[in-house]
């Protein structure tokens, strides 16, 4: 972990990535707080904070006495959130710039297709 975001957020995002790429499918058990802390070399309280973010969001759920599990629908929920973030962070600024340049939707679409075919 080497970026400027808080460690607990990086842990949450790593778990989200595992759900999204299928390495932690819905219904599967998540590593324990102590396992996450040891793997990421952080205090267990930091790992717990990252997991709690995902529990609060409904991505993970607790089974008393057993552990944490990936919730049903978690992948779809994460994909929807990531897509919305993509639109806000990337698409909306492109659209604003395209409008400022007087480009049509068809012209922007053609530019995107051309760029993706590179």
PDB file of N, CA and C in Angstrom:
ATOM      1  N   UNK A   1       0.854  -1.171   0.000  1.00  0.00           N
ATOM      2  CA  UNK A   1       0.000   0.000   0.000  1.00  0.00           C
ATOM      3  C   UNK A   1       0.897   1.229   0.000  1.00  0.00           C
ATOM      4  N   UNK A   2       0.779   1.984  -1.054  1.00  0.00           N
ATOM      5  CA  UNK A   2       1.732   3.060  -1.193  1.00  0.00           C
ATOM      6  C   UNK A   2       1.113   4.341  -1.723  1.00  0.00           C
ATOM      7  N   UNK A   3      -0.191   4.516  -1.558  1.00  0.00           N
ATOM      8  CA  UNK A   3      -0.741   5.785  -2.014  1.00  0.00           C
ATOM      9  C   UNK A   3      -1.167   6.633  -0.821  1.00  0.00           C
ATOM     10  N   UNK A   4      -1.683   7.785  -1.103  1.00  0.00           N
ATOM     11  CA  UNK A   4      -1.952   8.747  -0.037  1.00  0.00           C
ATOM     12  C   UNK A   4      -3.294   8.544   0.653  1.00  0.00           C
ATOM     13  N   UNK A   5      -4.115   7.629   0.131  1.00  0.00           N
ATOM     14  CA  UNK A   5      -5.406   7.384   0.769  1.00  0.00           C
ATOM     15  C   UNK A   5      -5.206   6.656   2.093  1.00  0.00           C
ATOM     16  N   UNK A   6      -6.121   6.835   3.034  1.00  0.00           N
ATOM     17  CA  UNK A   6      -5.987   6.120   4.314  1.00  0.00           C
ATOM     18  C   UNK A   6      -5.924   4.606   4.107  1.00  0.00           C
ATOM     19  N   UNK A   7      -5.178   3.925   4.958  1.00  0.00           N
ATOM     20  CA  UNK A   7      -4.991   2.481   4.827  1.00  0.00           C
ATOM     21  C   UNK A   7      -6.312   1.725   4.889  1.00  0.00           C
ATOM     22  N   UNK A   8      -7.222   2.147   5.766  1.00  0.00           N
ATOM     23  CA  UNK A   8      -8.491   1.429   5.871  1.00  0.00           C
ATOM     24  C   UNK A   8      -9.270   1.513   4.558  1.00  0.00           C
ATOM     25  N   UNK A   9      -9.163   2.640   3.873  1.00  0.00           N
ATOM     26  CA  UNK A   9      -9.844   2.805   2.589  1.00  0.00           C
ATOM     27  C   UNK A   9      -9.188   1.920   1.528  1.00  0.00           C
ATOM     28  N   UNK A  10      -7.880   1.813   1.563  1.00  0.00           N
ATOM     29  CA  UNK A  10      -7.172   0.944   0.627  1.00  0.00           C
ATOM     30  C   UNK A  10      -7.558  -0.522   0.840  1.00  0.00           C
ATOM     31  N   UNK A  11      -7.734  -0.916   2.097  1.00  0.00           N
ATOM     32  CA  UNK A  11      -8.156  -2.286   2.406  1.00  0.00           C
ATOM     33  C   UNK A  11      -9.562  -2.530   1.861  1.00  0.00           C
ATOM     34  N   UNK A  12     -10.462  -1.581   2.090  1.00  0.00           N
ATOM     35  CA  UNK A  12     -11.832  -1.701   1.580  1.00  0.00           C
ATOM     36  C   UNK A  12     -11.825  -1.821   0.058  1.00  0.00           C
ATOM     37  N   UNK A  13     -11.025  -1.008  -0.610  1.00  0.00           N
ATOM     38  CA  UNK A  13     -10.963  -1.042  -2.069  1.00  0.00           C
ATOM     39  C   UNK A  13     -10.338  -2.336  -2.585  1.00  0.00           C
ATOM     40  N   UNK A  14      -9.387  -2.889  -1.851  1.00  0.00           N
ATOM     41  CA  UNK A  14      -8.801  -4.173  -2.246  1.00  0.00           C
ATOM     42  C   UNK A  14      -9.857  -5.279  -2.159  1.00  0.00           C
ATOM     43  N   UNK A  15     -10.664  -5.251  -1.109  1.00  0.00           N
ATOM     44  CA  UNK A  15     -11.737  -6.234  -0.976  1.00  0.00           C
ATOM     45  C   UNK A  15     -12.786  -6.038  -2.070  1.00  0.00           C
ATOM     46  N   UNK A  16     -13.110  -4.783  -2.366  1.00  0.00           N
ATOM     47  CA  UNK A  16     -14.043  -4.498  -3.460  1.00  0.00           C
ATOM     48  C   UNK A  16     -13.505  -5.061  -4.774  1.00  0.00           C
ATOM     49  N   UNK A  17     -12.225  -4.868  -5.018  1.00  0.00           N
ATOM     50  CA  UNK A  17     -11.601  -5.372  -6.236  1.00  0.00           C
ATOM     51  C   UNK A  17     -11.710  -6.887  -6.332  1.00  0.00           C
ATOM     52  N   UNK A  18     -11.552  -7.570  -5.207  1.00  0.00           N
ATOM     53  CA  UNK A  18     -11.662  -9.032  -5.197  1.00  0.00           C
ATOM     54  C   UNK A  18     -13.095  -9.477  -5.491  1.00  0.00           C
ATOM     55  N   UNK A  19     -14.067  -8.716  -5.013  1.00  0.00           N
ATOM     56  CA  UNK A  19     -15.470  -9.023  -5.322  1.00  0.00           C
ATOM     57  C   UNK A  19     -15.717  -8.790  -6.810  1.00  0.00           C
ATOM     58  N   UNK A  20     -15.228  -7.677  -7.322  1.00  0.00           N
ATOM     59  CA  UNK A  20     -15.443  -7.342  -8.730  1.00  0.00           C
ATOM     60  C   UNK A  20     -14.768  -8.322  -9.682  1.00  0.00           C
ATOM     61  N   UNK A  21     -13.553  -8.763  -9.363  1.00  0.00           N
ATOM     62  CA  UNK A  21     -12.851  -9.674 -10.282  1.00  0.00           C
ATOM     63  C   UNK A  21     -13.237 -11.135 -10.082  1.00  0.00           C
ATOM     64  N   UNK A  22     -14.103 -11.393  -9.114  1.00  0.00           N
ATOM     65  CA  UNK A  22     -14.604 -12.744  -8.908  1.00  0.00           C
ATOM     66  C   UNK A  22     -13.767 -13.617  -8.007  1.00  0.00           C
ATOM     67  N   UNK A  23     -12.653 -13.116  -7.516  1.00  0.00           N
ATOM     68  CA  UNK A  23     -11.838 -13.942  -6.628  1.00  0.00           C
ATOM     69  C   UNK A  23     -12.480 -14.094  -5.246  1.00  0.00           C
ATOM     70  N   UNK A  24     -13.423 -13.235  -4.915  1.00  0.00           N
ATOM     71  CA  UNK A  24     -14.256 -13.382  -3.718  1.00  0.00           C
ATOM     72  C   UNK A  24     -15.718 -13.296  -4.166  1.00  0.00           C
ATOM     73  N   UNK A  25     -16.274 -14.410  -4.595  1.00  0.00           N
ATOM     74  CA  UNK A  25     -17.648 -14.367  -5.109  1.00  0.00           C
ATOM     75  C   UNK A  25     -18.673 -14.142  -4.004  1.00  0.00           C
ATOM     76  N   UNK A  26     -19.861 -13.749  -4.418  1.00  0.00           N
ATOM     77  CA  UNK A  26     -20.947 -13.540  -3.469  1.00  0.00           C
ATOM     78  C   UNK A  26     -21.182 -14.820  -2.681  1.00  0.00           C
ATOM     79  N   UNK A  27     -21.358 -14.664  -1.386  1.00  0.00           N
ATOM     80  CA  UNK A  27     -21.559 -15.808  -0.503  1.00  0.00           C
ATOM     81  C   UNK A  27     -20.279 -16.358   0.089  1.00  0.00           C
ATOM     82  N   UNK A  28     -19.132 -15.938  -0.440  1.00  0.00           N
ATOM     83  CA  UNK A  28     -17.862 -16.468   0.065  1.00  0.00           C
ATOM     84  C   UNK A  28     -17.444 -15.743   1.343  1.00  0.00           C
ATOM     85  N   UNK A  29     -16.668 -16.446   2.143  1.00  0.00           N
ATOM     86  CA  UNK A  29     -16.181 -15.873   3.393  1.00  0.00           C
ATOM     87  C   UNK A  29     -14.971 -14.981   3.123  1.00  0.00           C
ATOM     88  N   UNK A  30     -14.946 -13.868   3.817  1.00  0.00           N
ATOM     89  CA  UNK A  30     -13.860 -12.887   3.709  1.00  0.00           C
ATOM     90  C   UNK A  30     -12.806 -13.245   4.752  1.00  0.00           C
ATOM     91  N   UNK A  31     -11.533 -13.005   4.473  1.00  0.00           N
ATOM     92  CA  UNK A  31     -10.512 -13.246   5.504  1.00  0.00           C
ATOM     93  C   UNK A  31     -10.866 -12.505   6.802  1.00  0.00           C
ATOM     94  N   UNK A  32     -10.438 -13.069   7.911  1.00  0.00           N
ATOM     95  CA  UNK A  32     -10.718 -12.455   9.213  1.00  0.00           C
ATOM     96  C   UNK A  32      -9.990 -11.109   9.333  1.00  0.00           C
ATOM     97  N   UNK A  33     -10.411 -10.343  10.299  1.00  0.00           N
ATOM     98  CA  UNK A  33      -9.773  -9.044  10.560  1.00  0.00           C
ATOM     99  C   UNK A  33      -8.285  -9.253  10.831  1.00  0.00           C
ATOM    100  N   UNK A  34      -7.953 -10.253  11.627  1.00  0.00           N
ATOM    101  CA  UNK A  34      -6.543 -10.503  11.944  1.00  0.00           C
ATOM    102  C   UNK A  34      -5.759 -10.937  10.712  1.00  0.00           C
ATOM    103  N   UNK A  35      -6.373 -11.730   9.838  1.00  0.00           N
ATOM    104  CA  UNK A  35      -5.705 -12.136   8.600  1.00  0.00           C
ATOM    105  C   UNK A  35      -5.480 -10.928   7.690  1.00  0.00           C
ATOM    106  N   UNK A  36      -6.492 -10.074   7.580  1.00  0.00           N
ATOM    107  CA  UNK A  36      -6.342  -8.861   6.760  1.00  0.00           C
ATOM    108  C   UNK A  36      -5.260  -7.952   7.329  1.00  0.00           C
ATOM    109  N   UNK A  37      -5.265  -7.807   8.649  1.00  0.00           N
ATOM    110  CA  UNK A  37      -4.259  -6.948   9.294  1.00  0.00           C
ATOM    111  C   UNK A  37      -2.846  -7.489   9.052  1.00  0.00           C
ATOM    112  N   UNK A  38      -2.674  -8.790   9.186  1.00  0.00           N
ATOM    113  CA  UNK A  38      -1.355  -9.386   8.971  1.00  0.00           C
ATOM    114  C   UNK A  38      -0.939  -9.255   7.506  1.00  0.00           C
ATOM    115  N   UNK A  39      -1.865  -9.519   6.589  1.00  0.00           N
ATOM    116  CA  UNK A  39      -1.551  -9.438   5.169  1.00  0.00           C
ATOM    117  C   UNK A  39      -1.133  -8.026   4.772  1.00  0.00           C
ATOM    118  N   UNK A  40      -1.877  -7.028   5.255  1.00  0.00           N
ATOM    119  CA  UNK A  40      -1.595  -5.641   4.884  1.00  0.00           C
ATOM    120  C   UNK A  40      -0.611  -4.958   5.830  1.00  0.00           C
ATOM    121  N   UNK A  41      -0.188  -5.692   6.844  1.00  0.00           N
ATOM    122  CA  UNK A  41       0.763  -5.174   7.841  1.00  0.00           C
ATOM    123  C   UNK A  41       0.257  -3.890   8.492  1.00  0.00           C
ATOM    124  N   UNK A  42      -0.970  -3.983   8.998  1.00  0.00           N
ATOM    125  CA  UNK A  42      -1.582  -2.855   9.689  1.00  0.00           C
ATOM    126  C   UNK A  42      -2.165  -3.350  11.005  1.00  0.00           C
ATOM    127  N   UNK A  43      -2.551  -2.414  11.834  1.00  0.00           N
ATOM    128  CA  UNK A  43      -3.213  -2.708  13.090  1.00  0.00           C
ATOM    129  C   UNK A  43      -4.584  -3.326  12.794  1.00  0.00           C
ATOM    130  N   UNK A  44      -5.025  -4.317  13.570  1.00  0.00           N
ATOM    131  CA  UNK A  44      -6.352  -4.892  13.347  1.00  0.00           C
ATOM    132  C   UNK A  44      -7.487  -3.855  13.369  1.00  0.00           C
ATOM    133  N   UNK A  45      -7.329  -2.800  14.148  1.00  0.00           N
ATOM    134  CA  UNK A  45      -8.358  -1.752  14.183  1.00  0.00           C
ATOM    135  C   UNK A  45      -8.478  -1.069  12.817  1.00  0.00           C
ATOM    136  N   UNK A  46      -7.362  -0.934  12.122  1.00  0.00           N
ATOM    137  CA  UNK A  46      -7.374  -0.330  10.783  1.00  0.00           C
ATOM    138  C   UNK A  46      -8.084  -1.259   9.801  1.00  0.00           C
ATOM    139  N   UNK A  47      -7.773  -2.550   9.874  1.00  0.00           N
ATOM    140  CA  UNK A  47      -8.440  -3.525   9.007  1.00  0.00           C
ATOM    141  C   UNK A  47      -9.938  -3.553   9.300  1.00  0.00           C
ATOM    142  N   UNK A  48     -10.296  -3.517  10.572  1.00  0.00           N
ATOM    143  CA  UNK A  48     -11.705  -3.512  10.958  1.00  0.00           C
ATOM    144  C   UNK A  48     -12.425  -2.300  10.391  1.00  0.00           C
ATOM    145  N   UNK A  49     -11.781  -1.159  10.415  1.00  0.00           N
ATOM    146  CA  UNK A  49     -12.397   0.055   9.879  1.00  0.00           C
ATOM    147  C   UNK A  49     -12.684  -0.093   8.386  1.00  0.00           C
ATOM    148  N   UNK A  50     -11.769  -0.704   7.644  1.00  0.00           N
ATOM    149  CA  UNK A  50     -11.983  -0.934   6.220  1.00  0.00           C
ATOM    150  C   UNK A  50     -13.137  -1.893   5.961  1.00  0.00           C
ATOM    151  N   UNK A  51     -13.196  -2.957   6.737  1.00  0.00           N
ATOM    152  CA  UNK A  51     -14.275  -3.931   6.595  1.00  0.00           C
ATOM    153  C   UNK A  51     -15.610  -3.299   6.981  1.00  0.00           C
ATOM    154  N   UNK A  52     -15.593  -2.481   8.025  1.00  0.00           N
ATOM    155  CA  UNK A  52     -16.821  -1.827   8.482  1.00  0.00           C
ATOM    156  C   UNK A  52     -17.412  -0.936   7.397  1.00  0.00           C
ATOM    157  N   UNK A  53     -16.563  -0.279   6.609  1.00  0.00           N
ATOM    158  CA  UNK A  53     -17.061   0.520   5.480  1.00  0.00           C
ATOM    159  C   UNK A  53     -17.913  -0.345   4.550  1.00  0.00           C
ATOM    160  N   UNK A  54     -17.437  -1.557   4.281  1.00  0.00           N
ATOM    161  CA  UNK A  54     -18.145  -2.441   3.364  1.00  0.00           C
ATOM    162  C   UNK A  54     -19.377  -3.063   3.992  1.00  0.00           C
ATOM    163  N   UNK A  55     -19.340  -3.302   5.288  1.00  0.00           N
ATOM    164  CA  UNK A  55     -20.529  -3.796   5.995  1.00  0.00           C
ATOM    165  C   UNK A  55     -21.603  -2.706   5.965  1.00  0.00           C
ATOM    166  N   UNK A  56     -21.205  -1.475   6.264  1.00  0.00           N
ATOM    167  CA  UNK A  56     -22.152  -0.355   6.256  1.00  0.00           C
ATOM    168  C   UNK A  56     -22.773  -0.140   4.878  1.00  0.00           C
ATOM    169  N   UNK A  57     -22.012  -0.436   3.828  1.00  0.00           N
ATOM    170  CA  UNK A  57     -22.502  -0.266   2.459  1.00  0.00           C
ATOM    171  C   UNK A  57     -23.317  -1.473   1.976  1.00  0.00           C
ATOM    172  N   UNK A  58     -23.350  -2.539   2.779  1.00  0.00           N
ATOM    173  CA  UNK A  58     -24.096  -3.730   2.387  1.00  0.00           C
ATOM    174  C   UNK A  58     -23.330  -4.673   1.477  1.00  0.00           C
ATOM    175  N   UNK A  59     -22.050  -4.421   1.279  1.00  0.00           N
ATOM    176  CA  UNK A  59     -21.214  -5.280   0.429  1.00  0.00           C
ATOM    177  C   UNK A  59     -20.856  -6.566   1.175  1.00  0.00           C
ATOM    178  N   UNK A  60     -20.584  -6.444   2.451  1.00  0.00           N
ATOM    179  CA  UNK A  60     -20.281  -7.582   3.315  1.00  0.00           C
ATOM    180  C   UNK A  60     -21.330  -7.655   4.417  1.00  0.00           C
ATOM    181  N   UNK A  61     -21.502  -8.840   4.972  1.00  0.00           N
ATOM    182  CA  UNK A  61     -22.383  -8.994   6.133  1.00  0.00           C
ATOM    183  C   UNK A  61     -21.738  -9.959   7.120  1.00  0.00           C
ATOM    184  N   UNK A  62     -22.103  -9.786   8.382  1.00  0.00           N
ATOM    185  CA  UNK A  62     -21.558 -10.610   9.453  1.00  0.00           C
ATOM    186  C   UNK A  62     -22.481 -11.789   9.713  1.00  0.00           C
ATOM    187  N   UNK A  63     -21.872 -12.928   9.961  1.00  0.00           N
ATOM    188  CA  UNK A  63     -22.599 -14.085  10.469  1.00  0.00           C
ATOM    189  C   UNK A  63     -22.018 -14.361  11.845  1.00  0.00           C
ATOM    190  N   UNK A  64     -22.815 -14.096  12.836  1.00  0.00           N
ATOM    191  CA  UNK A  64     -22.360 -14.168  14.225  1.00  0.00           C
ATOM    192  C   UNK A  64     -21.646 -15.493  14.506  1.00  0.00           C
ATOM    193  N   UNK A  65     -20.438 -15.365  15.015  1.00  0.00           N
ATOM    194  CA  UNK A  65     -19.657 -16.528  15.388  1.00  0.00           C
ATOM    195  C   UNK A  65     -18.976 -17.239  14.232  1.00  0.00           C
ATOM    196  N   UNK A  66     -19.223 -16.800  13.007  1.00  0.00           N
ATOM    197  CA  UNK A  66     -18.630 -17.466  11.842  1.00  0.00           C
ATOM    198  C   UNK A  66     -17.654 -16.547  11.124  1.00  0.00           C
ATOM    199  N   UNK A  67     -18.070 -15.294  10.895  1.00  0.00           N
ATOM    200  CA  UNK A  67     -17.191 -14.346  10.209  1.00  0.00           C
ATOM    201  C   UNK A  67     -17.953 -13.448   9.261  1.00  0.00           C
ATOM    202  N   UNK A  68     -17.213 -12.858   8.344  1.00  0.00           N
ATOM    203  CA  UNK A  68     -17.759 -11.936   7.349  1.00  0.00           C
ATOM    204  C   UNK A  68     -17.897 -12.657   6.009  1.00  0.00           C
ATOM    205  N   UNK A  69     -18.960 -12.285   5.296  1.00  0.00           N
ATOM    206  CA  UNK A  69     -19.232 -12.900   4.005  1.00  0.00           C
ATOM    207  C   UNK A  69     -19.621 -11.831   2.996  1.00  0.00           C
ATOM    208  N   UNK A  70     -19.376 -12.132   1.722  1.00  0.00           N
ATOM    209  CA  UNK A  70     -19.769 -11.230   0.649  1.00  0.00           C
ATOM    210  C   UNK A  70     -21.287 -11.357   0.463  1.00  0.00           C
ATOM    211  N   UNK A  71     -21.971 -10.241   0.477  1.00  0.00           N
ATOM    212  CA  UNK A  71     -23.427 -10.217   0.364  1.00  0.00           C
ATOM    213  C   UNK A  71     -23.882 -10.530  -1.054  1.00  0.00           C
ATOM    214  N   UNK A  72     -25.080 -11.101  -1.159  1.00  0.00           N
ATOM    215  CA  UNK A  72     -25.687 -11.313  -2.465  1.00  0.00           C
ATOM    216  C   UNK A  72     -25.946  -9.944  -3.102  1.00  0.00           C
ATOM    217  N   UNK A  73     -25.665  -9.817  -4.361  1.00  0.00           N
ATOM    218  CA  UNK A  73     -25.862  -8.553  -5.061  1.00  0.00           C
ATOM    219  C   UNK A  73     -24.721  -7.564  -4.892  1.00  0.00           C
ATOM    220  N   UNK A  74     -23.675  -7.950  -4.164  1.00  0.00           N
ATOM    221  CA  UNK A  74     -22.555  -7.040  -3.893  1.00  0.00           C
ATOM    222  C   UNK A  74     -21.837  -6.632  -5.170  1.00  0.00           C
ATOM    223  N   UNK A  75     -21.619  -7.581  -6.062  1.00  0.00           N
ATOM    224  CA  UNK A  75     -20.889  -7.265  -7.297  1.00  0.00           C
ATOM    225  C   UNK A  75     -21.662  -6.256  -8.139  1.00  0.00           C
ATOM    226  N   UNK A  76     -22.960  -6.483  -8.294  1.00  0.00           N
ATOM    227  CA  UNK A  76     -23.785  -5.552  -9.076  1.00  0.00           C
ATOM    228  C   UNK A  76     -23.808  -4.172  -8.423  1.00  0.00           C
ATOM    229  N   UNK A  77     -23.874  -4.147  -7.108  1.00  0.00           N
ATOM    230  CA  UNK A  77     -23.865  -2.873  -6.382  1.00  0.00           C
ATOM    231  C   UNK A  77     -22.550  -2.130  -6.598  1.00  0.00           C
ATOM    232  N   UNK A  78     -21.444  -2.857  -6.528  1.00  0.00           N
ATOM    233  CA  UNK A  78     -20.130  -2.238  -6.745  1.00  0.00           C
ATOM    234  C   UNK A  78     -19.976  -1.753  -8.181  1.00  0.00           C
ATOM    235  N   UNK A  79     -20.429  -2.564  -9.143  1.00  0.00           N
ATOM    236  CA  UNK A  79     -20.347  -2.147 -10.546  1.00  0.00           C
ATOM    237  C   UNK A  79     -21.150  -0.872 -10.786  1.00  0.00           C
ATOM    238  N   UNK A  80     -22.340  -0.805 -10.222  1.00  0.00           N
ATOM    239  CA  UNK A  80     -23.178   0.394 -10.384  1.00  0.00           C
ATOM    240  C   UNK A  80     -22.487   1.618  -9.784  1.00  0.00           C
ATOM    241  N   UNK A  81     -21.899   1.451  -8.615  1.00  0.00           N
ATOM    242  CA  UNK A  81     -21.211   2.571  -7.960  1.00  0.00           C
ATOM    243  C   UNK A  81     -19.979   2.997  -8.763  1.00  0.00           C
ATOM    244  N   UNK A  82     -19.224   2.021  -9.268  1.00  0.00           N
ATOM    245  CA  UNK A  82     -18.026   2.346 -10.046  1.00  0.00           C
ATOM    246  C   UNK A  82     -18.394   3.021 -11.365  1.00  0.00           C
ATOM    247  N   UNK A  83     -19.489   2.569 -11.979  1.00  0.00           N
ATOM    248  CA  UNK A  83     -19.935   3.202 -13.222  1.00  0.00           C
ATOM    249  C   UNK A  83     -20.368   4.634 -12.975  1.00  0.00           C
ATOM    250  N   UNK A  84     -21.109   4.855 -11.901  1.00  0.00           N
ATOM    251  CA  UNK A  84     -21.547   6.212 -11.562  1.00  0.00           C
ATOM    252  C   UNK A  84     -20.340   7.107 -11.293  1.00  0.00           C
ATOM    253  N   UNK A  85     -19.347   6.570 -10.606  1.00  0.00           N
ATOM    254  CA  UNK A  85     -18.125   7.328 -10.338  1.00  0.00           C
ATOM    255  C   UNK A  85     -17.389   7.631 -11.644  1.00  0.00           C
ATOM    256  N   UNK A  86     -17.354   6.668 -12.556  1.00  0.00           N
ATOM    257  CA  UNK A  86     -16.710   6.861 -13.863  1.00  0.00           C
ATOM    258  C   UNK A  86     -17.379   7.998 -14.627  1.00  0.00           C
ATOM    259  N   UNK A  87     -18.703   8.004 -14.620  1.00  0.00           N
ATOM    260  CA  UNK A  87     -19.435   9.071 -15.308  1.00  0.00           C
ATOM    261  C   UNK A  87     -19.103  10.423 -14.680  1.00  0.00           C
ATOM    262  N   UNK A  88     -19.154  10.482 -13.367  1.00  0.00           N
ATOM    263  CA  UNK A  88     -18.907  11.754 -12.676  1.00  0.00           C
ATOM    264  C   UNK A  88     -17.486  12.263 -12.875  1.00  0.00           C
ATOM    265  N   UNK A  89     -16.510  11.354 -12.779  1.00  0.00           N
ATOM    266  CA  UNK A  89     -15.108  11.765 -12.829  1.00  0.00           C
ATOM    267  C   UNK A  89     -14.549  11.911 -14.237  1.00  0.00           C
ATOM    268  N   UNK A  90     -15.113  11.156 -15.197  1.00  0.00           N
ATOM    269  CA  UNK A  90     -14.511  11.136 -16.530  1.00  0.00           C
ATOM    270  C   UNK A  90     -15.459  11.595 -17.646  1.00  0.00           C
ATOM    271  N   UNK A  91     -16.646  11.018 -17.681  1.00  0.00           N
ATOM    272  CA  UNK A  91     -17.558  11.322 -18.782  1.00  0.00           C
ATOM    273  C   UNK A  91     -18.093  12.748 -18.689  1.00  0.00           C
ATOM    274  N   UNK A  92     -18.554  13.150 -17.514  1.00  0.00           N
ATOM    275  CA  UNK A  92     -19.124  14.494 -17.369  1.00  0.00           C
ATOM    276  C   UNK A  92     -18.128  15.591 -17.768  1.00  0.00           C
ATOM    277  N   UNK A  93     -16.863  15.517 -17.347  1.00  0.00           N
ATOM    278  CA  UNK A  93     -15.911  16.537 -17.800  1.00  0.00           C
ATOM    279  C   UNK A  93     -15.680  16.517 -19.313  1.00  0.00           C
ATOM    280  N   UNK A  94     -15.684  15.324 -19.927  1.00  0.00           N
ATOM    281  CA  UNK A  94     -15.511  15.231 -21.382  1.00  0.00           C
ATOM    282  C   UNK A  94     -16.698  15.887 -22.080  1.00  0.00           C
ATOM    283  N   UNK A  95     -17.890  15.608 -21.583  1.00  0.00           N
ATOM    284  CA  UNK A  95     -19.095  16.198 -22.168  1.00  0.00           C
ATOM    285  C   UNK A  95     -19.056  17.719 -22.040  1.00  0.00           C
ATOM    286  N   UNK A  96     -18.667  18.210 -20.883  1.00  0.00           N
ATOM    287  CA  UNK A  96     -18.582  19.662 -20.682  1.00  0.00           C
ATOM    288  C   UNK A  96     -17.571  20.281 -21.643  1.00  0.00           C
ATOM    289  N   UNK A  97     -16.429  19.646 -21.801  1.00  0.00           N
ATOM    290  CA  UNK A  97     -15.405  20.155 -22.718  1.00  0.00           C
ATOM    291  C   UNK A  97     -15.887  20.072 -24.164  1.00  0.00           C
ATOM    292  N   UNK A  98     -16.568  18.982 -24.512  1.00  0.00           N
ATOM    293  CA  UNK A  98     -17.089  18.833 -25.870  1.00  0.00           C
ATOM    294  C   UNK A  98     -18.102  19.936 -26.178  1.00  0.00           C
ATOM    295  N   UNK A  99     -18.955  20.227 -25.230  1.00  0.00           N
ATOM    296  CA  UNK A  99     -19.927  21.313 -25.429  1.00  0.00           C
ATOM    297  C   UNK A  99     -19.214  22.644 -25.638  1.00  0.00           C
ATOM    298  N   UNK A 100     -18.173  22.863 -24.833  1.00  0.00           N
ATOM    299  CA  UNK A 100     -17.421  24.112 -24.936  1.00  0.00           C
ATOM    300  C   UNK A 100     -16.746  24.230 -26.312  1.00  0.00           C
ATOM    301  N   UNK A 101     -16.380  23.098 -26.900  1.00  0.00           N
ATOM    302  CA  UNK A 101     -15.735  23.093 -28.213  1.00  0.00           C
ATOM    303  C   UNK A 101     -16.734  23.016 -29.363  1.00  0.00           C
ATOM    304  N   UNK A 102     -18.005  22.874 -29.027  1.00  0.00           N
ATOM    305  CA  UNK A 102     -19.039  22.802 -30.056  1.00  0.00           C
ATOM    306  C   UNK A 102     -19.121  21.459 -30.759  1.00  0.00           C
ATOM    307  N   UNK A 103     -18.631  20.407 -30.122  1.00  0.00           N
ATOM    308  CA  UNK A 103     -18.688  19.073 -30.718  1.00  0.00           C
ATOM    309  C   UNK A 103     -20.066  18.458 -30.496  1.00  0.00           C
ATOM    310  N   UNK A 104     -20.529  17.710 -31.483  1.00  0.00           N
ATOM    311  CA  UNK A 104     -21.800  16.998 -31.342  1.00  0.00           C
ATOM    312  C   UNK A 104     -21.555  15.666 -30.635  1.00  0.00           C
ATOM    313  N   UNK A 105     -22.645  15.050 -30.189  1.00  0.00           N
ATOM    314  CA  UNK A 105     -22.543  13.732 -29.557  1.00  0.00           C
ATOM    315  C   UNK A 105     -21.955  12.719 -30.541  1.00  0.00           C
ATOM    316  N   UNK A 106     -22.342  12.814 -31.803  1.00  0.00           N
ATOM    317  CA  UNK A 106     -21.826  11.896 -32.819  1.00  0.00           C
ATOM    318  C   UNK A 106     -20.317  12.082 -33.008  1.00  0.00           C
ATOM    319  N   UNK A 107     -19.871  13.323 -32.985  1.00  0.00           N
ATOM    320  CA  UNK A 107     -18.434  13.586 -33.146  1.00  0.00           C
ATOM    321  C   UNK A 107     -17.655  13.055 -31.938  1.00  0.00           C
ATOM    322  N   UNK A 108     -18.181  13.261 -30.757  1.00  0.00           N
ATOM    323  CA  UNK A 108     -17.515  12.759 -29.543  1.00  0.00           C
ATOM    324  C   UNK A 108     -17.480  11.235 -29.574  1.00  0.00           C
ATOM    325  N   UNK A 109     -18.602  10.636 -29.959  1.00  0.00           N
ATOM    326  CA  UNK A 109     -18.668   9.179 -30.052  1.00  0.00           C
ATOM    327  C   UNK A 109     -17.633   8.649 -31.045  1.00  0.00           C
ATOM    328  N   UNK A 110     -17.522   9.281 -32.173  1.00  0.00           N
ATOM    329  CA  UNK A 110     -16.543   8.860 -33.177  1.00  0.00           C
ATOM    330  C   UNK A 110     -15.119   8.985 -32.648  1.00  0.00           C
ATOM    331  N   UNK A 111     -14.849  10.051 -31.911  1.00  0.00           N
ATOM    332  CA  UNK A 111     -13.523  10.232 -31.317  1.00  0.00           C
ATOM    333  C   UNK A 111     -13.212   9.131 -30.297  1.00  0.00           C
ATOM    334  N   UNK A 112     -14.210   8.775 -29.525  1.00  0.00           N
ATOM    335  CA  UNK A 112     -14.017   7.724 -28.517  1.00  0.00           C
ATOM    336  C   UNK A 112     -13.779   6.387 -29.199  1.00  0.00           C
ATOM    337  N   UNK A 113     -14.570   6.072 -30.203  1.00  0.00           N
ATOM    338  CA  UNK A 113     -14.387   4.818 -30.941  1.00  0.00           C
ATOM    339  C   UNK A 113     -12.993   4.766 -31.552  1.00  0.00           C
ATOM    340  N   UNK A 114     -12.578   5.850 -32.165  1.00  0.00           N
ATOM    341  CA  UNK A 114     -11.250   5.912 -32.781  1.00  0.00           C
ATOM    342  C   UNK A 114     -10.152   5.678 -31.734  1.00  0.00           C
ATOM    343  N   UNK A 115     -10.302   6.304 -30.591  1.00  0.00           N
ATOM    344  CA  UNK A 115      -9.309   6.172 -29.521  1.00  0.00           C
ATOM    345  C   UNK A 115      -9.277   4.750 -28.967  1.00  0.00           C
ATOM    346  N   UNK A 116     -10.442   4.139 -28.842  1.00  0.00           N
ATOM    347  CA  UNK A 116     -10.491   2.769 -28.296  1.00  0.00           C
ATOM    348  C   UNK A 116      -9.925   1.739 -29.273  1.00  0.00           C
ATOM    349  N   UNK A 117      -9.935   2.060 -30.553  1.00  0.00           N
ATOM    350  CA  UNK A 117      -9.416   1.128 -31.560  1.00  0.00           C
ATOM    351  C   UNK A 117      -7.900   1.218 -31.716  1.00  0.00           C
ATOM    352  N   UNK A 118      -7.282   2.143 -31.063  1.00  0.00           N
ATOM    353  CA  UNK A 118      -5.825   2.262 -31.147  1.00  0.00           C
ATOM    354  C   UNK A 118      -5.127   1.069 -30.587  1.00  0.00           C
TER     355      UNK A 118
END
